[in-house]
Amino acid sequence: MQNNPLITLTSDFGYKDPSVGMMKGVILSINPLAKVIDITHGITPHNIKEAALTIGMSHSFFPPKTVHVVVVDPGVGSSRRPILVITDHAYFIGPDNGVFSLIYNSKNETLKVIHLTSEHYFMPGKGPTFHGRDIFSPAAAWLTKGIESANFGEAITDYVTLKFPSASRPEEKAVEGEVIYIDRFGNAITNITALDLNMLYGVNPEGKLKIIIKERHTELRSHYSQVQDKGLYALINSTEYLELFTYKGNASSVFDIKVGDIVRVILSAQ
């Protein structure tokens, strides 16, 4: 497949149990030349949308033809299908539960989805509770060994897609979105993008943006240390989403911000 085959792992397994190590062992037993990179194993247990956001934000930073394995799989062992997703840039392997929804929704990719059914590419005697080890990891390893994607199963078009809210424009001078993710530092990432804010500035380039959440008003900053107090502020982060933060503090805890909270940005005159 490539000279330096790269496989990433994303899961809700954490590190207390040996699950992640087992998956790596399976991969390297099949292809010792594979490089295995952990994106994260700290996804909130069973949180499919959080995993979808994580891989959606992360995959484009890896080299072409990287294989991304995502295992957040509360339906493991049921009738839900194991799948391989093929795009122009990368491969994705995991459960058909919507975890690849943001990949499906990308307008920059052509797409093919395969139901993994060729069991000779699975672990012998696979069990009902650990498809990350028994199906997804070996399939990823064999893919990096040069096995053609068509050999893994049949193409499908009825794959599961979750709905993710997008920011709206209720008024010419306003954008409305919501908090979609709370990171480890308590920063609240919204679905309002830099492009959304640039469109507001198009109405009045000299205007000033006011960010409102839970009746609290704040303003945009360029970086975290631009402020020194423990107030609530906002910035455009490195993935180009509007993010609410408290410098050296936990904005989510201090200001009781949760996933789903509505965020409104208003363009006002200077």
Protein backbone atom coordinates (compact mmCIF):
# COMPACT_ATOMS: atom_id res chain seq x y z
CA MET A 1 0.00 0.00 0.00
CA GLN A 2 2.74 2.49 0.95
CA ASN A 3 6.35 2.51 2.10
CA ASN A 4 5.56 3.75 5.60
CA PRO A 5 2.05 2.49 6.39
CA LEU A 6 0.39 4.59 9.08
CA ILE A 7 -2.56 3.55 11.26
CA THR A 8 -4.22 5.80 13.84
CA LEU A 9 -6.34 4.66 16.76
CA THR A 10 -9.19 6.58 18.40
CA SER A 11 -11.33 5.01 21.12
CA ASP A 12 -13.10 5.36 24.45
CA PHE A 13 -10.98 2.57 25.99
CA GLY A 14 -8.75 4.67 28.23
CA TYR A 15 -5.51 3.09 29.48
CA LYS A 16 -6.53 1.14 32.60
CA ASP A 17 -7.42 -1.95 30.58
CA PRO A 18 -5.16 -3.67 28.03
CA SER A 19 -7.51 -3.07 25.09
CA VAL A 20 -5.35 -0.52 23.26
CA GLY A 21 -2.23 -2.64 23.66
CA MET A 22 -4.02 -5.68 22.28
CA MET A 23 -5.11 -3.77 19.19
CA LYS A 24 -1.54 -2.63 18.55
CA GLY A 25 -0.29 -6.17 19.04
CA VAL A 26 -2.72 -7.50 16.44
CA ILE A 27 -1.74 -4.80 13.93
CA LEU A 28 1.99 -5.37 14.35
CA SER A 29 1.64 -9.15 14.21
CA ILE A 30 0.13 -8.79 10.73
CA ASN A 31 2.27 -5.90 9.53
CA PRO A 32 5.41 -5.26 11.61
CA LEU A 33 6.23 -2.28 9.38
CA ALA A 34 3.08 -0.39 10.34
CA LYS A 35 3.40 2.75 12.42
CA VAL A 36 0.60 3.08 14.95
CA ILE A 37 -0.35 6.53 16.25
CA ASP A 38 -2.82 7.20 19.07
CA ILE A 39 -5.09 10.15 18.37
CA THR A 40 -6.87 9.66 21.69
CA HIS A 41 -8.34 6.95 23.90
CA GLY A 42 -10.08 9.47 26.13
CA ILE A 43 -13.38 9.76 24.29
CA THR A 44 -16.25 9.85 26.81
CA PRO A 45 -17.48 6.23 27.02
CA HIS A 46 -20.10 5.41 24.35
CA ASN A 47 -20.11 9.00 23.02
CA ILE A 48 -20.32 8.43 19.28
CA LYS A 49 -20.76 12.10 18.43
CA GLU A 50 -17.64 13.06 20.38
CA ALA A 51 -15.66 10.44 18.48
CA ALA A 52 -17.08 11.70 15.18
CA LEU A 53 -16.00 15.24 16.04
CA THR A 54 -12.55 14.05 17.08
CA ILE A 55 -11.78 12.14 13.89
CA GLY A 56 -13.46 14.86 11.84
CA MET A 57 -11.10 17.47 13.27
CA SER A 58 -7.98 15.27 13.19
CA HIS A 59 -7.76 13.20 10.03
CA SER A 60 -6.67 15.92 7.62
CA PHE A 61 -3.42 16.46 9.56
CA PHE A 62 -2.12 13.00 8.63
CA PRO A 63 -0.34 11.93 5.43
CA PRO A 64 -2.38 10.66 2.48
CA LYS A 65 -3.56 7.04 2.67
CA THR A 66 -3.41 6.91 6.47
CA VAL A 67 -5.78 4.28 7.91
CA HIS A 68 -7.88 5.65 10.79
CA VAL A 69 -9.40 3.08 13.16
CA VAL A 70 -12.16 4.45 15.39
CA VAL A 71 -13.67 2.25 18.11
CA VAL A 72 -16.51 3.85 20.05
CA ASP A 73 -18.94 1.02 19.70
CA PRO A 74 -21.79 0.57 22.19
CA GLY A 75 -23.50 -1.71 19.66
CA VAL A 76 -20.61 -4.17 19.45
CA GLY A 77 -21.80 -7.73 18.90
CA SER A 78 -25.20 -6.64 17.55
CA SER A 79 -26.37 -6.43 13.95
CA ARG A 80 -24.54 -3.13 13.39
CA ARG A 81 -22.02 -3.53 10.57
CA PRO A 82 -18.23 -3.15 10.58
CA ILE A 83 -17.23 -0.84 7.75
CA LEU A 84 -14.34 0.50 5.71
CA VAL A 85 -14.72 4.07 4.43
CA ILE A 86 -12.54 5.14 1.50
CA THR A 87 -12.00 8.78 0.54
CA ASP A 88 -9.56 10.60 -1.72
CA HIS A 89 -7.30 11.29 1.24
CA ALA A 90 -7.62 8.39 3.70
CA TYR A 91 -9.21 5.17 4.91
CA PHE A 92 -11.47 4.82 7.96
CA ILE A 93 -12.38 1.57 9.73
CA GLY A 94 -14.90 1.17 12.52
CA PRO A 95 -18.55 0.50 13.34
CA ASP A 96 -21.46 1.64 11.19
CA ASN A 97 -23.00 3.78 13.93
CA GLY A 98 -22.43 7.30 12.62
CA VAL A 99 -18.91 7.70 13.94
CA PHE A 100 -17.76 8.76 10.45
CA SER A 101 -20.61 11.22 9.86
CA LEU A 102 -18.35 14.24 9.40
CA ILE A 103 -16.30 12.31 6.86
CA TYR A 104 -19.47 11.55 4.91
CA ASN A 105 -20.51 15.20 5.05
CA SER A 106 -17.23 16.55 3.69
CA LYS A 107 -17.76 18.27 0.36
CA ASN A 108 -14.09 17.84 -0.56
CA GLU A 109 -14.04 14.04 -0.74
CA THR A 110 -15.36 11.31 -3.01
CA LEU A 111 -16.65 8.44 -0.95
CA LYS A 112 -16.99 4.67 -0.94
CA VAL A 113 -18.18 2.59 2.01
CA ILE A 114 -17.63 -1.17 2.26
CA HIS A 115 -19.32 -3.57 4.66
CA LEU A 116 -16.48 -5.70 6.08
CA THR A 117 -17.57 -9.29 5.58
CA SER A 118 -14.44 -11.19 4.49
CA GLU A 119 -13.72 -13.04 7.73
CA HIS A 120 -10.34 -14.38 6.62
CA TYR A 121 -9.09 -10.83 7.30
CA PHE A 122 -10.44 -10.99 10.88
CA MET A 123 -8.90 -12.63 13.93
CA PRO A 124 -9.70 -16.37 14.17
CA GLY A 125 -12.46 -17.12 16.64
CA LYS A 126 -13.54 -13.48 16.97
CA GLY A 127 -15.61 -12.71 20.05
CA PRO A 128 -18.78 -10.60 20.48
CA THR A 129 -17.36 -7.82 22.68
CA PHE A 130 -14.09 -6.62 21.14
CA HIS A 131 -14.35 -5.94 17.43
CA GLY A 132 -11.62 -3.33 17.81
CA ARG A 133 -9.17 -6.18 18.31
CA ASP A 134 -10.86 -8.91 16.29
CA ILE A 135 -12.13 -7.07 13.18
CA PHE A 136 -11.05 -3.43 12.88
CA SER A 137 -7.36 -3.81 13.80
CA PRO A 138 -6.63 -6.81 11.56
CA ALA A 139 -8.57 -5.27 8.67
CA ALA A 140 -6.50 -2.09 9.01
CA ALA A 141 -3.26 -4.06 9.11
CA TRP A 142 -4.15 -6.13 6.03
CA LEU A 143 -5.13 -2.95 4.20
CA THR A 144 -1.65 -1.54 4.81
CA LYS A 145 -0.19 -4.77 3.46
CA GLY A 146 -1.67 -3.97 0.06
CA ILE A 147 -4.91 -5.98 0.09
CA GLU A 148 -7.35 -4.32 -2.32
CA SER A 149 -10.29 -2.67 -0.58
CA ALA A 150 -12.79 -4.57 -2.75
CA ASN A 151 -11.58 -7.84 -1.19
CA PHE A 152 -12.90 -6.87 2.24
CA GLY A 153 -16.60 -6.91 1.36
CA GLU A 154 -19.39 -5.30 -0.63
CA ALA A 155 -20.06 -1.60 -1.16
CA ILE A 156 -23.06 -0.14 0.69
CA THR A 157 -24.95 3.14 0.47
CA ASP A 158 -27.26 2.92 3.51
CA TYR A 159 -24.56 3.64 6.11
CA VAL A 160 -25.60 5.40 9.32
CA THR A 161 -25.18 9.17 9.41
CA LEU A 162 -25.74 11.29 12.50
CA LYS A 163 -27.03 14.83 12.27
CA PHE A 164 -24.67 17.52 13.50
CA PRO A 165 -26.03 21.01 14.06
CA SER A 166 -24.54 23.80 11.99
CA ALA A 167 -24.51 27.48 12.81
CA SER A 168 -27.39 29.55 11.46
CA ARG A 169 -27.86 33.18 10.41
CA PRO A 170 -31.11 34.30 12.08
CA GLU A 171 -30.37 37.92 11.22
CA GLU A 172 -28.03 39.73 8.87
CA LYS A 173 -25.87 40.84 11.79
CA ALA A 174 -26.04 37.66 13.90
CA VAL A 175 -24.84 34.06 13.87
CA GLU A 176 -26.27 31.44 16.22
CA GLY A 177 -24.66 28.12 17.07
CA GLU A 178 -24.04 25.88 20.05
CA VAL A 179 -21.33 24.27 22.12
CA ILE A 180 -20.39 20.93 20.55
CA TYR A 181 -17.37 19.85 22.61
CA ILE A 182 -15.70 20.48 25.97
CA ASP A 183 -11.98 19.75 25.91
CA ARG A 184 -9.69 18.59 28.73
CA PHE A 185 -9.00 22.18 29.82
CA GLY A 186 -12.68 23.07 30.05
CA ASN A 187 -12.63 25.13 26.88
CA ALA A 188 -16.01 25.10 25.11
CA ILE A 189 -15.74 24.59 21.35
CA THR A 190 -18.71 25.71 19.29
CA ASN A 191 -19.92 24.94 15.78
CA ILE A 192 -19.44 28.57 14.77
CA THR A 193 -16.51 28.84 12.36
CA ALA A 194 -14.07 31.54 11.33
CA LEU A 195 -15.90 31.65 8.00
CA ASP A 196 -19.17 32.41 9.80
CA LEU A 197 -17.56 35.35 11.56
CA ASN A 198 -15.93 36.60 8.36
CA MET A 199 -19.35 36.65 6.73
CA LEU A 200 -20.58 38.86 9.58
CA TYR A 201 -17.67 41.24 9.08
CA GLY A 202 -18.71 41.41 5.43
CA VAL A 203 -21.81 43.31 6.56
CA ASN A 204 -19.68 45.89 8.36
CA PRO A 205 -15.88 45.44 8.36
CA GLU A 206 -15.58 48.10 11.06
CA GLY A 207 -18.08 46.41 13.36
CA LYS A 208 -17.38 44.70 16.68
CA LEU A 209 -18.36 41.14 17.55
CA LYS A 210 -20.19 40.43 20.80
CA ILE A 211 -20.46 36.78 21.93
CA ILE A 212 -23.39 35.81 24.16
CA ILE A 213 -23.91 32.57 26.09
CA LYS A 214 -26.34 32.12 28.97
CA GLU A 215 -26.98 35.87 29.06
CA ARG A 216 -23.28 36.48 29.61
CA HIS A 217 -21.55 38.77 27.12
CA THR A 218 -17.92 38.42 26.11
CA GLU A 219 -15.58 39.47 23.33
CA LEU A 220 -13.14 37.97 20.88
CA ARG A 221 -9.43 37.69 21.64
CA SER A 222 -6.57 36.47 19.45
CA HIS A 223 -4.90 34.12 21.98
CA TYR A 224 -5.33 32.82 25.54
CA SER A 225 -2.73 34.95 27.34
CA GLN A 226 -4.08 38.16 25.87
CA VAL A 227 -6.16 38.30 29.07
CA GLN A 228 -4.95 37.73 32.61
CA ASP A 229 -8.16 37.70 34.65
CA LYS A 230 -10.48 34.70 35.15
CA GLY A 231 -13.30 36.00 33.01
CA LEU A 232 -14.96 34.31 30.06
CA TYR A 233 -13.52 35.10 26.64
CA ALA A 234 -13.61 33.75 23.11
CA LEU A 235 -11.17 33.12 20.27
CA ILE A 236 -10.89 31.28 16.98
CA ASN A 237 -8.90 28.14 17.75
CA SER A 238 -6.45 26.23 15.58
CA THR A 239 -9.22 24.19 13.95
CA GLU A 240 -10.99 27.45 13.05
CA TYR A 241 -13.90 27.08 15.46
CA LEU A 242 -15.10 29.70 17.92
CA GLU A 243 -13.98 28.61 21.38
CA LEU A 244 -14.92 29.97 24.81
CA PHE A 245 -12.15 29.96 27.40
CA THR A 246 -10.91 31.17 30.76
CA TYR A 247 -7.18 31.86 30.92
CA LYS A 248 -5.55 29.19 33.10
CA GLY A 249 -9.00 28.14 34.23
CA ASN A 250 -11.90 25.85 33.36
CA ALA A 251 -14.57 27.84 31.56
CA SER A 252 -17.00 24.93 31.48
CA SER A 253 -16.95 24.45 35.27
CA VAL A 254 -16.71 28.09 36.31
CA PHE A 255 -19.46 29.32 34.01
CA ASP A 256 -21.55 26.13 33.89
CA ILE A 257 -21.15 25.71 30.13
CA LYS A 258 -22.32 22.41 28.65
CA VAL A 259 -22.57 20.74 25.26
CA GLY A 260 -25.73 22.01 23.58
CA ASP A 261 -25.68 25.49 25.14
CA ILE A 262 -26.68 28.14 22.61
CA VAL A 263 -24.06 30.69 21.54
CA ARG A 264 -24.96 33.88 19.70
CA VAL A 265 -22.57 36.26 17.95
CA ILE A 266 -23.83 39.76 17.15
CA LEU A 267 -22.11 42.36 15.00
CA SER A 268 -22.51 45.81 16.51
CA ALA A 269 -21.26 49.20 15.46
CA GLN A 270 -17.92 50.29 16.91
